[in-house]
């Protein structure tokens, strides 16, 4: 358990269903991206924002250290693998930027219970019991497992965790990992559209 823990906030999505950049949604006057980065900074040795190459200079993302995707058209796994390529000797706390209910106790519980015996530690979804791959620990050395799935055409992080030896934890707050994908989700959340 002595590996450093780096945080990776996934903010490289295209936000097609939302119709606006989810990283820039507002939460009490600041961006959701800033909220998530600041939430995990005290619990991680370093924190990076995962972006696509064309997002690198975007005003909100450029406020933070970035890891630019090295892979194209692979979804979130592109950011995860890019981070693991950049710093292979650390454990990665991977967190989506679009979780309006995420809180410090949910993150602290995940970090406290991660196990060196498992390549992945994640929460079980409160909706379907399946692993929540975008609030999870990807241990140092697990990149080869992820690459093996990608080589087989499996790009879905959830499927990778389902088919791997993953430590599953119960969510302390069943709503903590609900995300916002659509304008209806946004209307039901505490977030606001960026002006």
C-alpha atoms as a PDB file:
ATOM      1  CA  UNK A   1       0.000   0.000   0.000  1.00  0.00           C
ATOM      2  CA  UNK A   2       3.107   2.182  -0.140  1.00  0.00           C
ATOM      3  CA  UNK A   3       2.591   3.281  -3.746  1.00  0.00           C
ATOM      4  CA  UNK A   4       1.953   6.988  -4.217  1.00  0.00           C
ATOM      5  CA  UNK A   5      -1.663   7.784  -5.077  1.00  0.00           C
ATOM      6  CA  UNK A   6      -2.248  10.172  -7.971  1.00  0.00           C
ATOM      7  CA  UNK A   7      -5.655  11.513  -8.878  1.00  0.00           C
ATOM      8  CA  UNK A   8      -6.995  11.579 -12.434  1.00  0.00           C
ATOM      9  CA  UNK A   9     -10.118  13.634 -13.074  1.00  0.00           C
ATOM     10  CA  UNK A  10     -11.633  12.545 -16.374  1.00  0.00           C
ATOM     11  CA  UNK A  11     -12.641  15.664 -18.298  1.00  0.00           C
ATOM     12  CA  UNK A  12     -11.946  14.630 -21.892  1.00  0.00           C
ATOM     13  CA  UNK A  13     -15.476  13.724 -22.912  1.00  0.00           C
ATOM     14  CA  UNK A  14     -17.385  15.413 -25.693  1.00  0.00           C
ATOM     15  CA  UNK A  15     -20.555  15.977 -23.581  1.00  0.00           C
ATOM     16  CA  UNK A  16     -22.755  15.232 -26.604  1.00  0.00           C
ATOM     17  CA  UNK A  17     -25.863  14.271 -24.620  1.00  0.00           C
ATOM     18  CA  UNK A  18     -25.523  17.284 -22.335  1.00  0.00           C
ATOM     19  CA  UNK A  19     -25.018  19.719 -25.201  1.00  0.00           C
ATOM     20  CA  UNK A  20     -22.428  21.700 -23.216  1.00  0.00           C
ATOM     21  CA  UNK A  21     -19.100  20.981 -21.561  1.00  0.00           C
ATOM     22  CA  UNK A  22     -19.817  19.068 -18.343  1.00  0.00           C
ATOM     23  CA  UNK A  23     -16.477  20.081 -16.812  1.00  0.00           C
ATOM     24  CA  UNK A  24     -17.594  23.717 -16.964  1.00  0.00           C
ATOM     25  CA  UNK A  25     -20.982  23.213 -15.283  1.00  0.00           C
ATOM     26  CA  UNK A  26     -21.204  25.523 -12.307  1.00  0.00           C
ATOM     27  CA  UNK A  27     -21.415  24.612  -8.664  1.00  0.00           C
ATOM     28  CA  UNK A  28     -21.748  27.583  -6.367  1.00  0.00           C
ATOM     29  CA  UNK A  29     -20.001  29.873  -8.842  1.00  0.00           C
ATOM     30  CA  UNK A  30     -17.058  27.602  -9.674  1.00  0.00           C
ATOM     31  CA  UNK A  31     -16.748  24.820 -12.197  1.00  0.00           C
ATOM     32  CA  UNK A  32     -17.587  21.222 -11.407  1.00  0.00           C
ATOM     33  CA  UNK A  33     -14.079  20.359 -12.640  1.00  0.00           C
ATOM     34  CA  UNK A  34     -12.503  22.705 -10.075  1.00  0.00           C
ATOM     35  CA  UNK A  35     -14.733  21.253  -7.342  1.00  0.00           C
ATOM     36  CA  UNK A  36     -13.647  17.664  -8.067  1.00  0.00           C
ATOM     37  CA  UNK A  37      -9.942  18.537  -8.382  1.00  0.00           C
ATOM     38  CA  UNK A  38     -10.007  20.492  -5.111  1.00  0.00           C
ATOM     39  CA  UNK A  39     -11.968  17.714  -3.397  1.00  0.00           C
ATOM     40  CA  UNK A  40      -9.326  15.061  -4.039  1.00  0.00           C
ATOM     41  CA  UNK A  41      -6.168  17.200  -3.808  1.00  0.00           C
ATOM     42  CA  UNK A  42      -5.771  16.741  -0.026  1.00  0.00           C
ATOM     43  CA  UNK A  43      -6.041  12.953  -0.435  1.00  0.00           C
ATOM     44  CA  UNK A  44      -3.634  12.502  -3.363  1.00  0.00           C
ATOM     45  CA  UNK A  45       0.069  13.084  -3.900  1.00  0.00           C
ATOM     46  CA  UNK A  46      -0.687  14.802  -7.229  1.00  0.00           C
ATOM     47  CA  UNK A  47      -3.829  15.442  -9.256  1.00  0.00           C
ATOM     48  CA  UNK A  48      -4.149  15.640 -13.036  1.00  0.00           C
ATOM     49  CA  UNK A  49      -6.988  16.442 -15.386  1.00  0.00           C
ATOM     50  CA  UNK A  50      -7.419  14.064 -18.319  1.00  0.00           C
ATOM     51  CA  UNK A  51      -8.072  15.899 -21.586  1.00  0.00           C
ATOM     52  CA  UNK A  52      -8.111  15.409 -25.329  1.00  0.00           C
ATOM     53  CA  UNK A  53      -5.354  17.224 -27.268  1.00  0.00           C
ATOM     54  CA  UNK A  54      -7.730  19.885 -28.586  1.00  0.00           C
ATOM     55  CA  UNK A  55      -8.876  20.695 -25.024  1.00  0.00           C
ATOM     56  CA  UNK A  56      -5.389  21.348 -23.671  1.00  0.00           C
ATOM     57  CA  UNK A  57      -5.621  25.155 -23.951  1.00  0.00           C
ATOM     58  CA  UNK A  58      -9.244  25.439 -22.792  1.00  0.00           C
ATOM     59  CA  UNK A  59      -9.405  28.051 -20.034  1.00  0.00           C
ATOM     60  CA  UNK A  60     -10.840  25.884 -17.251  1.00  0.00           C
ATOM     61  CA  UNK A  61      -8.743  22.790 -17.922  1.00  0.00           C
ATOM     62  CA  UNK A  62      -5.532  24.789 -18.299  1.00  0.00           C
ATOM     63  CA  UNK A  63      -5.765  25.844 -14.638  1.00  0.00           C
ATOM     64  CA  UNK A  64      -4.675  22.320 -13.672  1.00  0.00           C
ATOM     65  CA  UNK A  65      -1.908  19.835 -14.463  1.00  0.00           C
ATOM     66  CA  UNK A  66      -3.059  17.796 -17.448  1.00  0.00           C
ATOM     67  CA  UNK A  67      -2.432  14.431 -19.011  1.00  0.00           C
ATOM     68  CA  UNK A  68      -3.403  14.537 -22.659  1.00  0.00           C
ATOM     69  CA  UNK A  69      -4.914  11.407 -24.204  1.00  0.00           C
ATOM     70  CA  UNK A  70      -2.392   9.365 -26.173  1.00  0.00           C
ATOM     71  CA  UNK A  71      -5.155   7.203 -27.648  1.00  0.00           C
ATOM     72  CA  UNK A  72      -8.021   8.179 -29.922  1.00  0.00           C
ATOM     73  CA  UNK A  73     -11.691   7.167 -29.921  1.00  0.00           C
ATOM     74  CA  UNK A  74     -11.514   4.925 -26.867  1.00  0.00           C
ATOM     75  CA  UNK A  75     -13.595   6.925 -24.384  1.00  0.00           C
ATOM     76  CA  UNK A  76     -12.518   7.129 -20.725  1.00  0.00           C
ATOM     77  CA  UNK A  77     -10.078   4.237 -21.044  1.00  0.00           C
ATOM     78  CA  UNK A  78      -7.919   6.498 -23.266  1.00  0.00           C
ATOM     79  CA  UNK A  79      -7.394   8.859 -20.350  1.00  0.00           C
ATOM     80  CA  UNK A  80      -6.832   6.051 -17.864  1.00  0.00           C
ATOM     81  CA  UNK A  81      -4.213   4.313 -20.023  1.00  0.00           C
ATOM     82  CA  UNK A  82      -2.515   7.617 -20.869  1.00  0.00           C
ATOM     83  CA  UNK A  83      -2.114   8.355 -17.142  1.00  0.00           C
ATOM     84  CA  UNK A  84      -0.791   4.862 -16.465  1.00  0.00           C
ATOM     85  CA  UNK A  85       1.689   5.242 -19.336  1.00  0.00           C
ATOM     86  CA  UNK A  86       2.898   8.570 -17.928  1.00  0.00           C
ATOM     87  CA  UNK A  87       3.275   7.380 -14.316  1.00  0.00           C
ATOM     88  CA  UNK A  88       3.265   3.556 -14.208  1.00  0.00           C
ATOM     89  CA  UNK A  89       4.558   3.221 -10.632  1.00  0.00           C
ATOM     90  CA  UNK A  90       1.637   4.908  -8.870  1.00  0.00           C
ATOM     91  CA  UNK A  91      -1.876   3.911  -7.906  1.00  0.00           C
ATOM     92  CA  UNK A  92      -4.466   6.013  -9.714  1.00  0.00           C
ATOM     93  CA  UNK A  93      -7.643   7.334  -8.161  1.00  0.00           C
ATOM     94  CA  UNK A  94      -9.771   7.758 -11.290  1.00  0.00           C
ATOM     95  CA  UNK A  95     -12.771  10.034 -10.953  1.00  0.00           C
ATOM     96  CA  UNK A  96     -15.259  11.369 -13.493  1.00  0.00           C
ATOM     97  CA  UNK A  97     -15.793  15.128 -13.421  1.00  0.00           C
ATOM     98  CA  UNK A  98     -19.597  14.853 -13.752  1.00  0.00           C
ATOM     99  CA  UNK A  99     -20.546  13.551 -10.291  1.00  0.00           C
ATOM    100  CA  UNK A 100     -22.552  16.314  -8.561  1.00  0.00           C
ATOM    101  CA  UNK A 101     -22.988  14.358  -5.315  1.00  0.00           C
ATOM    102  CA  UNK A 102     -19.411  13.158  -4.868  1.00  0.00           C
ATOM    103  CA  UNK A 103     -18.014  13.994  -1.444  1.00  0.00           C
ATOM    104  CA  UNK A 104     -14.854  13.629   0.604  1.00  0.00           C
ATOM    105  CA  UNK A 105     -16.149  10.740   2.714  1.00  0.00           C
ATOM    106  CA  UNK A 106     -16.891   8.629  -0.390  1.00  0.00           C
ATOM    107  CA  UNK A 107     -13.355   9.195  -1.703  1.00  0.00           C
ATOM    108  CA  UNK A 108     -11.729   8.668   1.704  1.00  0.00           C
ATOM    109  CA  UNK A 109     -13.597   5.378   2.177  1.00  0.00           C
ATOM    110  CA  UNK A 110     -12.432   4.112  -1.226  1.00  0.00           C
ATOM    111  CA  UNK A 111      -8.818   5.038  -0.477  1.00  0.00           C
ATOM    112  CA  UNK A 112      -8.960   3.525   2.984  1.00  0.00           C
ATOM    113  CA  UNK A 113     -10.258   0.183   1.726  1.00  0.00           C
ATOM    114  CA  UNK A 114      -8.173  -0.227  -1.429  1.00  0.00           C
ATOM    115  CA  UNK A 115      -6.270  -3.463  -1.326  1.00  0.00           C
ATOM    116  CA  UNK A 116      -2.805  -4.311  -2.673  1.00  0.00           C
ATOM    117  CA  UNK A 117      -4.173  -7.777  -3.462  1.00  0.00           C
ATOM    118  CA  UNK A 118      -6.520  -6.468  -6.164  1.00  0.00           C
ATOM    119  CA  UNK A 119      -5.584  -4.601  -9.354  1.00  0.00           C
ATOM    120  CA  UNK A 120      -8.787  -2.558  -9.069  1.00  0.00           C
ATOM    121  CA  UNK A 121     -10.900  -1.308  -6.178  1.00  0.00           C
ATOM    122  CA  UNK A 122     -14.300   0.192  -6.938  1.00  0.00           C
ATOM    123  CA  UNK A 123     -17.754   0.764  -5.561  1.00  0.00           C
ATOM    124  CA  UNK A 124     -20.708  -1.401  -6.528  1.00  0.00           C
ATOM    125  CA  UNK A 125     -23.334   0.701  -8.258  1.00  0.00           C
ATOM    126  CA  UNK A 126     -26.289   1.425  -5.995  1.00  0.00           C
ATOM    127  CA  UNK A 127     -28.474   0.988  -9.107  1.00  0.00           C
ATOM    128  CA  UNK A 128     -27.349  -2.347 -10.562  1.00  0.00           C
ATOM    129  CA  UNK A 129     -24.562  -3.723  -8.332  1.00  0.00           C
ATOM    130  CA  UNK A 130     -21.974  -3.538 -11.123  1.00  0.00           C
ATOM    131  CA  UNK A 131     -18.571  -1.885 -10.631  1.00  0.00           C
ATOM    132  CA  UNK A 132     -18.377   1.912 -10.836  1.00  0.00           C
ATOM    133  CA  UNK A 133     -15.175   2.300 -12.885  1.00  0.00           C
ATOM    134  CA  UNK A 134     -15.096   6.101 -12.862  1.00  0.00           C
ATOM    135  CA  UNK A 135     -14.657   6.345  -9.114  1.00  0.00           C
ATOM    136  CA  UNK A 136     -12.101   3.618  -8.643  1.00  0.00           C
ATOM    137  CA  UNK A 137      -8.492   2.770  -7.836  1.00  0.00           C
ATOM    138  CA  UNK A 138      -6.338   1.422 -10.652  1.00  0.00           C
ATOM    139  CA  UNK A 139      -3.248  -0.042  -8.992  1.00  0.00           C
ATOM    140  CA  UNK A 140       0.290   0.329 -10.277  1.00  0.00           C
ATOM    141  CA  UNK A 141       0.913  -2.580 -12.630  1.00  0.00           C
ATOM    142  CA  UNK A 142      -2.708  -2.956 -13.740  1.00  0.00           C
ATOM    143  CA  UNK A 143      -2.093  -1.198 -17.066  1.00  0.00           C
ATOM    144  CA  UNK A 144      -1.219  -4.542 -18.690  1.00  0.00           C
ATOM    145  CA  UNK A 145      -4.644  -5.873 -17.730  1.00  0.00           C
ATOM    146  CA  UNK A 146      -6.336  -2.833 -19.260  1.00  0.00           C
ATOM    147  CA  UNK A 147      -4.171  -3.084 -22.398  1.00  0.00           C
ATOM    148  CA  UNK A 148      -5.096  -6.744 -22.755  1.00  0.00           C
ATOM    149  CA  UNK A 149      -8.782  -5.882 -22.872  1.00  0.00           C
ATOM    150  CA  UNK A 150      -8.202  -2.992 -25.274  1.00  0.00           C
ATOM    151  CA  UNK A 151      -6.290  -5.354 -27.579  1.00  0.00           C
ATOM    152  CA  UNK A 152      -9.447  -7.507 -27.631  1.00  0.00           C
ATOM    153  CA  UNK A 153     -11.584  -4.482 -28.515  1.00  0.00           C
ATOM    154  CA  UNK A 154     -12.989  -3.997 -25.002  1.00  0.00           C
ATOM    155  CA  UNK A 155     -12.886  -0.246 -24.261  1.00  0.00           C
ATOM    156  CA  UNK A 156     -15.587  -0.057 -21.597  1.00  0.00           C
ATOM    157  CA  UNK A 157     -13.975   0.443 -18.162  1.00  0.00           C
ATOM    158  CA  UNK A 158     -16.982  -1.175 -16.482  1.00  0.00           C
ATOM    159  CA  UNK A 159     -16.598  -4.344 -18.567  1.00  0.00           C
ATOM    160  CA  UNK A 160     -12.880  -4.398 -17.770  1.00  0.00           C
ATOM    161  CA  UNK A 161     -13.580  -4.276 -14.034  1.00  0.00           C
ATOM    162  CA  UNK A 162     -16.404  -6.831 -14.308  1.00  0.00           C
ATOM    163  CA  UNK A 163     -14.076  -9.294 -16.040  1.00  0.00           C
ATOM    164  CA  UNK A 164     -11.118  -8.643 -13.716  1.00  0.00           C
ATOM    165  CA  UNK A 165     -10.268  -9.345 -10.103  1.00  0.00           C
ATOM    166  CA  UNK A 166     -11.888  -6.227  -8.657  1.00  0.00           C
ATOM    167  CA  UNK A 167     -12.464  -5.455  -4.993  1.00  0.00           C
ATOM    168  CA  UNK A 168     -16.039  -4.195  -4.766  1.00  0.00           C
ATOM    169  CA  UNK A 169     -17.110  -1.913  -1.932  1.00  0.00           C
ATOM    170  CA  UNK A 170     -20.549  -0.728  -0.898  1.00  0.00           C
ATOM    171  CA  UNK A 171     -21.153   2.981  -1.408  1.00  0.00           C
ATOM    172  CA  UNK A 172     -21.495   4.882   1.880  1.00  0.00           C
ATOM    173  CA  UNK A 173     -23.926   7.256   0.133  1.00  0.00           C
ATOM    174  CA  UNK A 174     -26.007   5.547  -2.589  1.00  0.00           C
ATOM    175  CA  UNK A 175     -26.359   8.843  -4.508  1.00  0.00           C
ATOM    176  CA  UNK A 176     -22.682   9.821  -4.437  1.00  0.00           C
ATOM    177  CA  UNK A 177     -21.849   8.383  -7.851  1.00  0.00           C
ATOM    178  CA  UNK A 178     -24.949   9.497  -9.766  1.00  0.00           C
ATOM    179  CA  UNK A 179     -23.736  11.494 -12.760  1.00  0.00           C
ATOM    180  CA  UNK A 180     -25.200  14.145 -15.027  1.00  0.00           C
ATOM    181  CA  UNK A 181     -25.376  13.270 -18.722  1.00  0.00           C
ATOM    182  CA  UNK A 182     -28.406  15.136 -20.050  1.00  0.00           C
ATOM    183  CA  UNK A 183     -30.153  18.485 -19.561  1.00  0.00           C
ATOM    184  CA  UNK A 184     -32.810  16.643 -17.505  1.00  0.00           C
ATOM    185  CA  UNK A 185     -30.082  15.256 -15.208  1.00  0.00           C
ATOM    186  CA  UNK A 186     -28.711  18.777 -14.866  1.00  0.00           C
ATOM    187  CA  UNK A 187     -32.111  20.197 -13.943  1.00  0.00           C
ATOM    188  CA  UNK A 188     -32.437  17.598 -11.179  1.00  0.00           C
ATOM    189  CA  UNK A 189     -28.961  18.293  -9.783  1.00  0.00           C
ATOM    190  CA  UNK A 190     -27.393  21.096  -7.764  1.00  0.00           C
ATOM    191  CA  UNK A 191     -25.309  22.152 -10.773  1.00  0.00           C
ATOM    192  CA  UNK A 192     -26.020  24.989 -13.195  1.00  0.00           C
ATOM    193  CA  UNK A 193     -25.222  25.582 -16.832  1.00  0.00           C
ATOM    194  CA  UNK A 194     -22.150  27.702 -17.481  1.00  0.00           C
ATOM    195  CA  UNK A 195     -23.013  31.128 -18.821  1.00  0.00           C
END
